[in-house]
């Protein structure tokens, strides 16, 4: 006996037209996932209205109250009911969905919010009278006169009261408030010329300001740098490199942090397309590819990057939340990110992040077990000429220290010249070596501690990479080609990157059906499990759209070769050797971090050192 399908009745099915309230509640599930989604839609509407000041008030993580106040152009009283209708918008006329210059354009946010919450819009246009309209659970009330000086106030109460099942999927008030803060911060980064204020009014009263970013002045990069310092943090701004590059009508600008300023998770990666915050797998993959040679797999770069292009080159109408985009030519956008970031990192040379020195100073400060004693005032610092005489008297360095604690500077110390004193160079002049691994150098305004093994390892690694780039990757032909069986789709995907793999010494050819024949492998890798490598490449292609498996393995070998071929810890170096290492670091890109992303040197300013001894 056949079992009846549980979703099919015995009677004939009837197709019904859903009413507007049900349609809006269904659409709200796509547009408004959580309170942060509602805040995003309302703040974007305020920015589209030309607002210069946007204030956001929330209560209980946005579940009971979200109020967005702006000084934008406002909505006329006669247009308020229309603004609550689905697919009603003033931002496009519907003739060209690929030429979009605003955040919003779908006309879904306000009716969706009104369908699942209690929404009140109060607005006033210049020269007009203020008016207000209220909608709850999709039922719109009549427009009423209101009191408002200018702009618009949108108040959303009891979010998801009309769909109580959605409330069960909400997180704690603290988690929802954090998501709202993250959303506002992303929009604040996109609009440095707008003042943003986020206030938590839970429990009533004026509440407390949890985030504020005043309008920034200056040119594009000055304003953006100041806004990023306020939003991401001053440490990021101090250790970020300016990015500005253009390719085939696409411009990339913003700031990317030095490799030594990395994070344990991808929480400090902010990407924008035509001013719109996005979370795009292709763009984050390109960011990771630009840094993969400088960071270990458990570290992640920090960056705020903006892509500007003609709206017709990118499709933002992929998802109702508009957080995903599709480029007409994704390869150009990806290549621009990788090349621009690598060029900026190379230009940074030996520079390391200031956080390295801050962490060192923090580690050197002992925590007092009891209240600090009264300050002991030191005598005044000697004059520059007196200090110079003292330095010369102390040359060549730590000669008076016991060999058990320090390796002496052997040979002549660097002699400053009138044209260019060695101390004025970025990494200064070597004054000694301690524990046969750390070079102590004196700079014009402080000192530098260099890990000789890590520094030389990076220098050798960069030389090996340069040689390989010039001479190519040597390939080793297999006596018997290895046949790897794949699906037709995987085979087609793999053959699309066959030329790139050949440049890296991995030669593959189609072998009929879905099979490929591996004929050559990179010689530097030695004996290779070709099938496992091909499958790893396919996994990366499916996940990221590109693969760095072969290049990563080759560079891992080069890194190991550089490690074994560099100056070992425990080797005593002469003065000229140490100074030659410092000069080579200054001339070599990426020498501020070793092959694993750790810093190769720490710079301490004299003023910081003096504070350690209470001399400031």
Protein backbone atom coordinates (compact mmCIF):
# COMPACT_ATOMS: atom_id res chain seq x y z
CA UNK A 1 0.00 0.00 0.00
CA UNK A 2 1.45 3.31 -1.04
CA UNK A 3 2.06 5.78 1.78
CA UNK A 4 0.52 9.19 1.35
CA UNK A 5 2.94 12.12 1.11
CA UNK A 6 2.67 14.17 4.32
CA UNK A 7 2.68 17.48 2.45
CA UNK A 8 0.12 16.55 -0.21
CA UNK A 9 -3.56 16.41 0.67
CA UNK A 10 -6.07 14.15 -1.02
CA UNK A 11 -7.92 17.18 -2.32
CA UNK A 12 -6.72 19.18 -5.29
CA UNK A 13 -4.10 21.83 -4.38
CA UNK A 14 -5.18 25.42 -4.88
CA UNK A 15 -2.74 28.20 -5.79
CA UNK A 16 -3.37 31.25 -3.62
CA UNK A 17 -2.15 34.82 -3.78
CA UNK A 18 -0.56 35.75 -0.43
CA UNK A 19 -1.62 39.04 1.08
CA UNK A 20 0.81 41.93 1.41
CA UNK A 21 1.35 41.37 5.14
CA UNK A 22 2.48 37.77 4.58
CA UNK A 23 4.67 38.82 1.64
CA UNK A 24 6.37 41.49 3.74
CA UNK A 25 6.99 39.08 6.62
CA UNK A 26 8.56 36.57 4.22
CA UNK A 27 10.72 39.28 2.65
CA UNK A 28 11.76 40.49 6.09
CA UNK A 29 13.39 37.12 6.70
CA UNK A 30 15.87 37.92 3.91
CA UNK A 31 16.38 41.63 4.57
CA UNK A 32 16.23 41.72 8.39
CA UNK A 33 18.10 38.81 9.87
CA UNK A 34 18.79 40.45 13.25
CA UNK A 35 18.73 43.94 14.84
CA UNK A 36 22.08 44.78 13.24
CA UNK A 37 20.48 44.24 9.81
CA UNK A 38 17.76 46.76 10.65
CA UNK A 39 20.35 49.29 11.80
CA UNK A 40 22.33 48.78 8.60
CA UNK A 41 19.29 49.45 6.38
CA UNK A 42 18.20 52.54 8.30
CA UNK A 43 21.66 54.10 8.52
CA UNK A 44 22.25 53.48 4.81
CA UNK A 45 18.96 55.26 4.07
CA UNK A 46 20.17 58.21 6.16
CA UNK A 47 23.46 58.38 4.25
CA UNK A 48 21.63 58.17 0.92
CA UNK A 49 19.51 61.12 2.09
CA UNK A 50 22.66 63.25 2.34
CA UNK A 51 22.91 63.26 6.14
CA UNK A 52 26.00 64.74 7.77
CA UNK A 53 25.04 63.58 11.27
CA UNK A 54 23.53 60.20 12.13
CA UNK A 55 22.54 59.22 15.69
CA UNK A 56 21.56 55.64 16.55
CA UNK A 57 19.85 54.77 19.85
CA UNK A 58 19.28 51.14 20.82
CA UNK A 59 17.81 49.32 23.80
CA UNK A 60 18.24 45.67 24.80
CA UNK A 61 20.52 44.93 21.88
CA UNK A 62 18.06 46.53 19.45
CA UNK A 63 15.30 44.05 20.28
CA UNK A 64 13.00 46.58 21.97
CA UNK A 65 14.18 49.85 20.39
CA UNK A 66 16.15 51.09 17.40
CA UNK A 67 15.99 54.81 16.69
CA UNK A 68 17.94 56.43 13.84
CA UNK A 69 17.97 60.22 13.61
CA UNK A 70 19.54 62.09 10.69
CA UNK A 71 19.70 65.60 9.22
CA UNK A 72 19.15 64.48 5.63
CA UNK A 73 16.73 65.73 3.00
CA UNK A 74 13.68 64.15 4.63
CA UNK A 75 10.48 62.61 3.20
CA UNK A 76 7.47 64.69 2.17
CA UNK A 77 4.26 64.05 4.12
CA UNK A 78 2.40 62.83 1.03
CA UNK A 79 5.20 60.31 0.29
CA UNK A 80 5.27 58.67 3.71
CA UNK A 81 2.63 55.98 2.95
CA UNK A 82 4.36 55.21 -0.35
CA UNK A 83 7.71 54.82 1.44
CA UNK A 84 6.15 51.90 3.33
CA UNK A 85 5.08 50.14 0.15
CA UNK A 86 7.17 47.31 -1.26
CA UNK A 87 9.59 48.19 -4.05
CA UNK A 88 8.92 51.91 -3.73
CA UNK A 89 12.14 53.93 -3.83
CA UNK A 90 13.46 57.34 -4.85
CA UNK A 91 16.95 56.04 -5.69
CA UNK A 92 16.43 54.34 -9.05
CA UNK A 93 13.78 54.44 -11.78
CA UNK A 94 14.12 50.75 -12.63
CA UNK A 95 15.55 51.28 -16.11
CA UNK A 96 19.11 50.24 -15.30
CA UNK A 97 19.78 47.91 -12.37
CA UNK A 98 23.52 47.85 -13.05
CA UNK A 99 24.09 51.60 -12.71
CA UNK A 100 23.50 52.02 -8.96
CA UNK A 101 25.14 54.86 -7.02
CA UNK A 102 23.37 54.53 -3.65
CA UNK A 103 23.42 52.10 -0.75
CA UNK A 104 19.75 51.19 -1.03
CA UNK A 105 17.65 50.71 -4.16
CA UNK A 106 15.39 47.68 -3.67
CA UNK A 107 12.65 49.44 -1.68
CA UNK A 108 12.27 46.52 0.74
CA UNK A 109 13.73 47.69 4.06
CA UNK A 110 10.97 49.94 5.44
CA UNK A 111 7.99 47.70 4.53
CA UNK A 112 9.88 44.66 5.85
CA UNK A 113 10.60 46.40 9.16
CA UNK A 114 7.00 47.55 9.41
CA UNK A 115 5.81 43.99 8.85
CA UNK A 116 7.73 42.47 11.76
CA UNK A 117 7.91 45.37 14.22
CA UNK A 118 6.28 48.64 15.30
CA UNK A 119 7.71 51.30 12.99
CA UNK A 120 7.23 55.05 13.21
CA UNK A 121 8.69 57.48 10.66
CA UNK A 122 8.77 61.19 11.41
CA UNK A 123 10.23 63.46 8.73
CA UNK A 124 10.35 66.99 7.43
CA UNK A 125 11.57 68.36 4.12
CA UNK A 126 13.01 71.89 3.81
CA UNK A 127 10.17 74.37 3.52
CA UNK A 128 7.55 71.78 4.46
CA UNK A 129 5.71 70.63 7.57
CA UNK A 130 6.79 67.68 9.66
CA UNK A 131 4.60 64.57 9.50
CA UNK A 132 4.57 61.11 11.02
CA UNK A 133 3.28 57.68 10.02
CA UNK A 134 3.03 54.51 12.11
CA UNK A 135 2.88 50.87 10.99
CA UNK A 136 2.67 47.78 13.20
CA UNK A 137 2.63 44.23 11.92
CA UNK A 138 2.08 45.48 8.37
CA UNK A 139 -0.97 47.67 9.18
CA UNK A 140 -0.38 51.29 8.23
CA UNK A 141 -2.11 54.11 10.11
CA UNK A 142 -2.97 57.53 8.75
CA UNK A 143 -0.31 60.22 8.39
CA UNK A 144 -0.37 62.73 11.26
CA UNK A 145 1.26 66.13 11.84
CA UNK A 146 4.37 66.02 14.00
CA UNK A 147 7.05 68.22 15.52
CA UNK A 148 10.51 68.00 13.97
CA UNK A 149 13.02 70.66 13.00
CA UNK A 150 14.61 68.88 10.02
CA UNK A 151 15.62 65.49 8.68
CA UNK A 152 14.11 62.14 9.61
CA UNK A 153 13.61 60.04 12.73
CA UNK A 154 12.88 56.34 12.24
CA UNK A 155 11.87 54.49 15.40
CA UNK A 156 11.53 50.71 15.42
CA UNK A 157 10.13 49.06 18.55
CA UNK A 158 9.57 45.42 19.45
CA UNK A 159 11.39 43.93 16.50
CA UNK A 160 9.92 40.56 15.42
CA UNK A 161 6.85 40.90 17.66
CA UNK A 162 4.77 39.87 14.63
CA UNK A 163 7.00 36.81 14.04
CA UNK A 164 7.75 35.61 17.59
CA UNK A 165 9.45 32.45 16.33
CA UNK A 166 12.32 34.65 15.08
CA UNK A 167 12.93 35.93 18.60
CA UNK A 168 14.06 32.46 19.65
CA UNK A 169 16.99 32.77 17.26
CA UNK A 170 18.20 36.07 18.70
CA UNK A 171 21.41 36.02 20.70
CA UNK A 172 22.01 37.79 24.02
CA UNK A 173 21.53 41.54 24.30
CA UNK A 174 25.27 41.99 24.57
CA UNK A 175 25.98 39.94 21.44
CA UNK A 176 23.32 41.80 19.42
CA UNK A 177 24.62 45.17 20.64
CA UNK A 178 28.14 44.16 19.58
CA UNK A 179 26.86 43.21 16.12
CA UNK A 180 25.17 46.61 15.83
CA UNK A 181 28.38 48.37 16.89
CA UNK A 182 30.35 46.45 14.26
CA UNK A 183 27.81 47.44 11.58
CA UNK A 184 27.93 51.13 12.53
CA UNK A 185 31.74 51.09 12.58
CA UNK A 186 31.92 49.64 9.08
CA UNK A 187 29.58 52.34 7.78
CA UNK A 188 31.58 54.99 9.65
CA UNK A 189 34.75 53.82 7.86
CA UNK A 190 32.96 54.14 4.52
CA UNK A 191 31.81 57.71 5.26
CA UNK A 192 34.53 59.73 7.05
CA UNK A 193 32.66 62.98 6.31
CA UNK A 194 29.64 61.92 8.39
CA UNK A 195 29.37 62.10 12.19
CA UNK A 196 28.11 58.89 13.79
CA UNK A 197 26.89 58.43 17.36
CA UNK A 198 25.76 55.09 18.82
CA UNK A 199 24.01 55.22 22.19
CA UNK A 200 22.67 52.42 24.38
CA UNK A 201 19.52 53.61 26.16
CA UNK A 202 18.61 50.31 27.81
CA UNK A 203 16.80 50.96 31.08
CA UNK A 204 15.68 54.44 30.08
CA UNK A 205 17.27 57.83 30.49
CA UNK A 206 19.91 59.33 28.24
CA UNK A 207 21.90 56.09 28.22
CA UNK A 208 25.59 55.89 27.41
CA UNK A 209 27.51 56.54 24.21
CA UNK A 210 29.20 53.31 23.09
CA UNK A 211 30.69 54.70 19.88
CA UNK A 212 31.24 58.15 18.44
CA UNK A 213 33.09 59.28 15.34
CA UNK A 214 33.05 62.97 14.53
CA UNK A 215 33.30 64.20 10.96
CA UNK A 216 36.86 64.13 9.63
CA UNK A 217 38.37 66.92 7.54
CA UNK A 218 41.18 66.94 5.01
CA UNK A 219 41.76 65.08 1.76
CA UNK A 220 40.68 61.51 1.11
CA UNK A 221 43.63 59.77 2.77
CA UNK A 222 43.94 62.17 5.71
CA UNK A 223 40.24 61.85 6.54
CA UNK A 224 40.28 58.09 6.07
CA UNK A 225 43.42 57.65 8.17
CA UNK A 226 41.91 59.67 11.01
CA UNK A 227 38.63 57.75 10.83
CA UNK A 228 40.43 54.37 10.82
CA UNK A 229 42.47 55.44 13.83
CA UNK A 230 39.23 56.21 15.67
CA UNK A 231 37.37 53.07 14.59
CA UNK A 232 40.01 50.32 14.36
CA UNK A 233 42.53 51.87 16.72
CA UNK A 234 45.53 54.13 16.73
CA UNK A 235 47.93 51.18 16.67
CA UNK A 236 46.51 50.08 13.32
CA UNK A 237 46.84 53.58 11.89
CA UNK A 238 50.46 53.85 13.06
CA UNK A 239 51.41 50.52 11.48
CA UNK A 240 49.38 50.68 8.26
CA UNK A 241 50.69 51.29 4.75
CA UNK A 242 48.85 53.60 2.36
CA UNK A 243 47.48 51.80 -0.70
CA UNK A 244 46.54 53.55 -3.94
CA UNK A 245 46.56 51.71 -7.27
CA UNK A 246 44.44 51.61 -10.43
CA UNK A 247 44.01 48.97 -13.11
CA UNK A 248 41.55 48.80 -16.03
CA UNK A 249 39.09 51.28 -14.54
CA UNK A 250 39.19 49.83 -11.00
CA UNK A 251 40.83 51.83 -8.22
CA UNK A 252 42.03 50.31 -4.95
CA UNK A 253 42.86 52.56 -2.01
CA UNK A 254 42.97 52.37 1.75
CA UNK A 255 45.39 51.09 4.38
CA UNK A 256 46.95 47.67 5.03
CA UNK A 257 48.93 46.80 8.15
CA UNK A 258 52.50 45.56 8.28
CA UNK A 259 52.88 41.78 8.58
CA UNK A 260 54.22 42.12 12.12
CA UNK A 261 50.91 43.77 13.04
CA UNK A 262 48.79 40.68 12.44
CA UNK A 263 45.81 39.18 14.25
CA UNK A 264 44.89 35.73 15.48
CA UNK A 265 41.64 35.80 13.47
CA UNK A 266 40.28 37.63 10.42
CA UNK A 267 38.50 40.22 12.59
CA UNK A 268 40.34 43.29 11.32
CA UNK A 269 39.66 42.89 7.61
CA UNK A 270 37.30 45.52 6.18
CA UNK A 271 36.45 45.55 2.48
CA UNK A 272 34.31 48.07 0.62
CA UNK A 273 33.10 48.22 -2.97
CA UNK A 274 31.94 51.64 -4.15
CA UNK A 275 31.62 52.64 -0.49
CA UNK A 276 29.48 49.62 0.40
CA UNK A 277 30.77 47.28 3.16
CA UNK A 278 30.93 43.75 1.72
CA UNK A 279 31.97 40.27 2.85
CA UNK A 280 33.25 38.74 -0.36
CA UNK A 281 35.15 35.43 -0.47
CA UNK A 282 37.10 36.40 -3.57
CA UNK A 283 38.32 39.68 -2.07
CA UNK A 284 39.30 38.14 1.28
CA UNK A 285 41.10 35.38 -0.62
CA UNK A 286 43.08 38.00 -2.54
CA UNK A 287 44.00 39.73 0.73
CA UNK A 288 45.19 36.44 2.18
CA UNK A 289 47.18 35.69 -1.00
CA UNK A 290 49.00 39.02 -0.78
CA UNK A 291 50.25 38.20 2.74
CA UNK A 292 50.67 34.44 2.56
CA UNK A 293 54.46 34.63 2.13
CA UNK A 294 54.83 36.84 5.22
CA UNK A 295 52.46 35.28 7.77
CA UNK A 296 52.10 31.81 9.22
CA UNK A 297 48.78 30.05 8.68
CA UNK A 298 47.50 30.91 12.16
CA UNK A 299 47.94 34.68 11.66
CA UNK A 300 45.72 37.01 9.64
CA UNK A 301 46.41 40.42 8.08
CA UNK A 302 44.62 43.61 9.07
CA UNK A 303 43.41 45.98 6.36
CA UNK A 304 40.73 48.46 5.34
CA UNK A 305 40.54 48.45 1.54
CA UNK A 306 38.20 50.33 -0.76
CA UNK A 307 37.48 49.42 -4.38
CA UNK A 308 35.95 52.12 -6.58
CA UNK A 309 34.81 51.41 -10.12
CA UNK A 310 32.05 52.18 -12.57
CA UNK A 311 28.83 50.70 -11.15
CA UNK A 312 28.32 48.79 -14.40
CA UNK A 313 31.48 46.75 -13.66
CA UNK A 314 30.05 45.23 -10.48
CA UNK A 315 26.66 43.71 -9.64
CA UNK A 316 25.43 44.57 -6.12
CA UNK A 317 21.96 43.10 -6.71
CA UNK A 318 23.07 39.57 -5.81
CA UNK A 319 21.45 39.27 -2.37
CA UNK A 320 18.73 41.28 -0.58
CA UNK A 321 21.20 42.22 2.16
CA UNK A 322 23.58 43.56 -0.53
CA UNK A 323 26.61 42.17 1.34
CA UNK A 324 27.79 40.16 -1.67
CA UNK A 325 28.95 41.53 -5.02
CA UNK A 326 29.93 40.09 -8.38
CA UNK A 327 32.58 41.71 -10.56
CA UNK A 328 32.31 41.53 -14.32
CA UNK A 329 36.01 40.60 -14.39
CA UNK A 330 36.94 39.25 -10.94
CA UNK A 331 40.48 38.46 -12.06
CA UNK A 332 41.27 42.15 -12.49
CA UNK A 333 40.02 43.05 -9.01
CA UNK A 334 41.86 40.14 -7.41
CA UNK A 335 45.10 40.83 -9.27
CA UNK A 336 44.92 44.50 -8.32
CA UNK A 337 44.65 43.68 -4.61
CA UNK A 338 47.51 41.18 -4.66
CA UNK A 339 49.91 43.32 -6.71
CA UNK A 340 49.15 46.59 -4.89
CA UNK A 341 49.58 45.08 -1.44
CA UNK A 342 52.78 43.23 -2.32
CA UNK A 343 54.21 46.40 -3.86
CA UNK A 344 53.39 48.37 -0.71
CA UNK A 345 54.88 45.68 1.54
CA UNK A 346 58.05 45.62 -0.56
CA UNK A 347 58.37 49.40 -0.35
CA UNK A 348 58.06 49.19 3.44
CA UNK A 349 61.49 47.51 3.39
CA UNK A 350 62.78 46.57 6.84
CA UNK A 351 60.02 48.42 8.72
CA UNK A 352 58.42 46.53 11.61
CA UNK A 353 55.32 47.53 13.56
CA UNK A 354 55.59 49.77 16.60
CA UNK A 355 53.60 47.26 18.63
CA UNK A 356 56.72 45.09 18.78
CA UNK A 357 58.56 47.77 20.75
CA UNK A 358 55.52 48.45 22.92
CA UNK A 359 55.26 44.77 23.82
CA UNK A 360 58.98 44.70 24.62
CA UNK A 361 58.72 47.71 26.91
CA UNK A 362 55.69 46.18 28.58
CA UNK A 363 57.60 42.99 29.25
CA UNK A 364 60.53 44.94 30.68
CA UNK A 365 58.43 46.90 33.20
CA UNK A 366 58.16 44.98 36.48
CA UNK A 367 54.89 45.22 38.34
CA UNK A 368 55.56 46.87 41.71
CA UNK A 369 54.71 44.61 44.64
CA UNK A 370 54.20 47.69 46.82
CA UNK A 371 53.51 51.37 46.20
CA UNK A 372 56.27 52.98 44.18
CA UNK A 373 58.76 54.96 46.27
CA UNK A 374 59.05 58.70 45.97
CA UNK A 375 60.65 59.81 42.75
CA UNK A 376 64.42 60.29 42.76
CA UNK A 377 65.38 63.22 40.63
CA UNK A 378 68.37 62.66 38.40
CA UNK A 379 70.87 65.22 37.26
CA UNK A 380 70.26 66.90 33.93
CA UNK A 381 71.12 65.01 30.77
CA UNK A 382 74.56 65.84 29.34
CA UNK A 383 74.87 68.01 26.28
CA UNK A 384 75.07 66.39 22.80
CA UNK A 385 78.81 67.07 22.57
CA UNK A 386 79.43 65.49 25.96
CA UNK A 387 77.39 62.44 24.98
CA UNK A 388 79.34 62.10 21.72
CA UNK A 389 82.63 62.19 23.60
CA UNK A 390 81.34 59.54 25.97
CA UNK A 391 80.23 57.34 23.08
CA UNK A 392 83.66 57.55 21.48
CA UNK A 393 85.33 56.71 24.77
CA UNK A 394 83.13 53.65 25.12
CA UNK A 395 83.79 52.34 21.58
CA UNK A 396 83.93 49.65 20.34
CA UNK A 397 81.08 48.60 22.62
CA UNK A 398 80.64 46.12 25.40
CA UNK A 399 84.35 45.26 25.65
CA UNK A 400 84.36 45.58 29.40
CA UNK A 401 81.70 42.88 29.86
CA UNK A 402 82.58 39.27 30.61
CA UNK A 403 82.51 36.81 27.72
CA UNK A 404 80.12 34.68 29.76
CA UNK A 405 77.45 37.31 29.23
CA UNK A 406 78.32 38.99 25.96
CA UNK A 407 80.13 38.52 22.73
CA UNK A 408 82.49 41.45 22.31
CA UNK A 409 82.59 43.56 19.19
CA UNK A 410 85.72 42.25 17.50
CA UNK A 411 87.55 44.51 15.12
CA UNK A 412 87.17 48.22 14.42
CA UNK A 413 83.91 49.91 15.24
CA UNK A 414 82.11 51.80 12.46
CA UNK A 415 83.60 55.25 12.08
CA UNK A 416 81.04 58.03 11.62
CA UNK A 417 81.71 60.45 8.80
CA UNK A 418 80.76 64.08 8.53
CA UNK A 419 78.45 63.31 5.62
CA UNK A 420 76.54 60.34 7.06
CA UNK A 421 77.05 59.19 10.66
CA UNK A 422 76.33 55.48 10.90
CA UNK A 423 73.97 56.09 13.83
CA UNK A 424 71.74 58.14 11.54
CA UNK A 425 70.97 55.09 9.40
CA UNK A 426 67.63 53.39 10.17
CA UNK A 427 69.16 50.41 12.00
CA UNK A 428 72.15 52.32 13.37
CA UNK A 429 75.63 51.04 14.15
CA UNK A 430 76.39 47.70 15.81
CA UNK A 431 77.77 48.14 19.33
CA UNK A 432 77.80 44.57 20.56
CA UNK A 433 76.40 41.07 20.54
CA UNK A 434 74.78 39.35 23.50
CA UNK A 435 74.21 35.63 23.99
CA UNK A 436 75.75 35.08 20.56
CA UNK A 437 72.39 35.75 18.90
CA UNK A 438 71.27 39.33 19.48
CA UNK A 439 72.97 42.31 17.91
CA UNK A 440 72.75 45.58 19.83
CA UNK A 441 72.90 48.64 17.59
CA UNK A 442 72.83 52.32 18.47
CA UNK A 443 70.64 54.70 16.47
CA UNK A 444 70.45 58.46 16.56
CA UNK A 445 67.56 58.42 19.04
CA UNK A 446 67.58 54.97 20.61
CA UNK A 447 68.73 51.41 20.15
CA UNK A 448 67.88 48.35 18.04
CA UNK A 449 68.01 44.70 19.09
CA UNK A 450 68.33 42.33 16.11
CA UNK A 451 67.77 38.57 16.07
CA UNK A 452 70.71 37.70 13.83
CA UNK A 453 69.40 34.26 12.81
CA UNK A 454 65.86 35.44 11.98
CA UNK A 455 67.16 38.48 10.08
CA UNK A 456 69.68 36.55 8.00
CA UNK A 457 67.12 33.83 7.34
CA UNK A 458 64.83 36.41 5.71
CA UNK A 459 67.68 37.88 3.67
CA UNK A 460 68.69 34.47 2.30
CA UNK A 461 65.04 33.61 1.59
CA UNK A 462 64.53 36.80 -0.42
CA UNK A 463 67.69 36.08 -2.43
CA UNK A 464 66.49 32.56 -3.21
CA UNK A 465 63.09 33.83 -4.32
CA UNK A 466 64.73 36.44 -6.54
CA UNK A 467 66.94 33.83 -8.15
CA UNK A 468 63.98 31.54 -8.77
CA UNK A 469 61.96 34.40 -10.28
CA UNK A 470 64.82 35.18 -12.64
CA UNK A 471 65.71 31.62 -13.61
CA UNK A 472 62.30 29.95 -13.31
CA UNK A 473 61.29 26.83 -11.43
CA UNK A 474 63.21 23.76 -12.57
CA UNK A 475 60.88 20.87 -13.49
CA UNK A 476 61.62 17.17 -13.12
CA UNK A 477 60.08 14.89 -15.76
CA UNK A 478 58.44 11.74 -14.45
CA UNK A 479 59.69 8.53 -16.02
CA UNK A 480 56.12 7.24 -16.00
CA UNK A 481 53.44 9.98 -15.99
CA UNK A 482 51.02 9.65 -13.08
CA UNK A 483 47.37 9.42 -14.11
CA UNK A 484 44.86 11.06 -11.75
CA UNK A 485 41.17 10.26 -12.22
CA UNK A 486 38.85 13.25 -11.69
CA UNK A 487 35.31 14.26 -12.46
CA UNK A 488 34.72 16.17 -15.69
CA UNK A 489 34.06 19.41 -13.80
CA UNK A 490 37.20 19.08 -11.65
CA UNK A 491 39.27 18.30 -14.74
CA UNK A 492 37.94 21.38 -16.53
CA UNK A 493 38.62 23.57 -13.47
CA UNK A 494 42.16 22.23 -13.20
CA UNK A 495 42.98 22.73 -16.88
CA UNK A 496 41.97 26.39 -16.59
CA UNK A 497 45.05 26.97 -14.41
CA UNK A 498 47.34 24.53 -16.25
CA UNK A 499 49.55 27.32 -17.64
CA UNK A 500 50.06 28.84 -14.18
CA UNK A 501 50.98 25.42 -12.80
CA UNK A 502 53.48 24.89 -15.63
CA UNK A 503 55.25 28.12 -14.66
CA UNK A 504 55.68 26.59 -11.20
CA UNK A 505 57.14 23.36 -12.57
CA UNK A 506 53.96 21.24 -12.45
CA UNK A 507 52.98 20.09 -15.96
CA UNK A 508 49.62 18.41 -16.48
CA UNK A 509 47.78 17.30 -19.62
CA UNK A 510 44.26 15.96 -20.26
CA UNK A 511 44.23 12.17 -20.52
CA UNK A 512 40.75 11.50 -21.76
CA UNK A 513 37.47 11.64 -19.89
CA UNK A 514 38.02 13.31 -16.55
CA UNK A 515 41.61 12.08 -16.11
CA UNK A 516 44.78 14.18 -16.19
CA UNK A 517 48.37 13.07 -16.65
CA UNK A 518 51.04 14.63 -14.43
CA UNK A 519 54.22 14.69 -16.55
CA UNK A 520 56.51 17.03 -14.59
CA UNK A 521 56.78 18.12 -10.96
CA UNK A 522 58.90 20.90 -9.36
CA UNK A 523 62.41 19.49 -8.93
CA UNK A 524 62.96 21.31 -5.64
CA UNK A 525 60.15 19.32 -4.02
CA UNK A 526 61.87 16.00 -4.64
CA UNK A 527 59.58 12.97 -4.57
CA UNK A 528 55.98 14.16 -4.75
CA UNK A 529 52.62 12.46 -4.26
CA UNK A 530 51.15 13.95 -7.44
CA UNK A 531 47.59 12.75 -6.80
CA UNK A 532 47.48 14.28 -3.32
CA UNK A 533 48.87 17.58 -4.66
CA UNK A 534 46.30 17.70 -7.47
CA UNK A 535 43.47 17.11 -4.99
CA UNK A 536 44.79 19.84 -2.69
CA UNK A 537 44.91 22.24 -5.64
CA UNK A 538 41.31 21.40 -6.55
CA UNK A 539 40.17 21.99 -2.98
CA UNK A 540 41.74 25.46 -3.02
CA UNK A 541 40.24 26.25 -6.42
CA UNK A 542 36.77 25.28 -5.18
CA UNK A 543 37.12 27.26 -1.96
CA UNK A 544 38.99 30.38 -3.07
CA UNK A 545 38.87 30.43 -6.88
CA UNK A 546 42.65 30.15 -7.08
CA UNK A 547 45.37 27.88 -5.74
CA UNK A 548 48.72 28.57 -4.14
CA UNK A 549 49.45 24.99 -3.12
CA UNK A 550 52.41 24.48 -5.46
CA UNK A 551 53.89 27.93 -4.87
CA UNK A 552 53.44 27.57 -1.12
CA UNK A 553 55.23 24.21 -1.11
CA UNK A 554 58.09 25.58 -3.19
CA UNK A 555 58.49 28.61 -0.97
CA UNK A 556 58.28 26.41 2.12
CA UNK A 557 61.29 24.48 0.76
CA UNK A 558 63.10 27.74 0.05
CA UNK A 559 62.31 28.88 3.57
CA UNK A 560 63.82 25.73 5.05
CA UNK A 561 66.88 26.10 2.83
CA UNK A 562 67.22 29.72 3.98
CA UNK A 563 66.87 28.65 7.60
CA UNK A 564 69.69 26.10 7.35
CA UNK A 565 71.86 28.42 5.28
CA UNK A 566 71.61 31.48 7.49
CA UNK A 567 73.77 32.68 10.35
CA UNK A 568 73.14 30.32 13.22
CA UNK A 569 72.33 31.29 16.76
CA UNK A 570 75.46 30.95 18.91
CA UNK A 571 77.86 32.25 16.30
CA UNK A 572 79.99 35.19 17.39
CA UNK A 573 80.07 37.90 14.75
CA UNK A 574 82.62 40.61 14.12
CA UNK A 575 81.71 44.28 13.95
CA UNK A 576 81.92 44.48 10.17
CA UNK A 577 79.73 41.38 9.84
CA UNK A 578 77.07 42.80 12.12
CA UNK A 579 77.06 46.16 10.36
CA UNK A 580 76.94 44.46 6.96
CA UNK A 581 73.88 42.52 8.16
CA UNK A 582 72.20 45.76 9.31
CA UNK A 583 72.90 47.49 5.98
CA UNK A 584 71.57 44.51 4.03
CA UNK A 585 68.40 44.50 6.14
CA UNK A 586 67.86 48.16 5.29
CA UNK A 587 68.14 47.38 1.57
CA UNK A 588 66.02 44.21 1.51
CA UNK A 589 62.21 44.20 1.29
CA UNK A 590 60.28 42.41 4.03
CA UNK A 591 63.35 42.13 6.27
CA UNK A 592 61.35 43.41 9.24
CA UNK A 593 59.87 39.96 9.77
CA UNK A 594 61.24 36.46 9.45
CA UNK A 595 59.81 33.78 7.17
CA UNK A 596 57.18 32.96 9.79
CA UNK A 597 55.92 36.52 10.34
CA UNK A 598 57.81 37.17 13.57
CA UNK A 599 59.78 40.43 13.94
CA UNK A 600 63.50 40.33 13.19
CA UNK A 601 64.33 43.37 15.31
CA UNK A 602 62.99 45.57 18.09
CA UNK A 603 63.58 49.33 18.15
CA UNK A 604 63.50 51.16 21.47
CA UNK A 605 63.54 54.94 21.60
CA UNK A 606 65.83 56.62 24.11
CA UNK A 607 62.87 58.38 25.70
CA UNK A 608 61.18 55.00 26.32
CA UNK A 609 64.34 53.55 27.84
CA UNK A 610 64.70 56.55 30.12
CA UNK A 611 61.15 56.09 31.36
CA UNK A 612 62.06 52.56 32.40
CA UNK A 613 64.65 54.07 34.74
CA UNK A 614 62.46 56.95 35.91
CA UNK A 615 64.52 59.56 34.09
CA UNK A 616 61.67 61.06 32.05
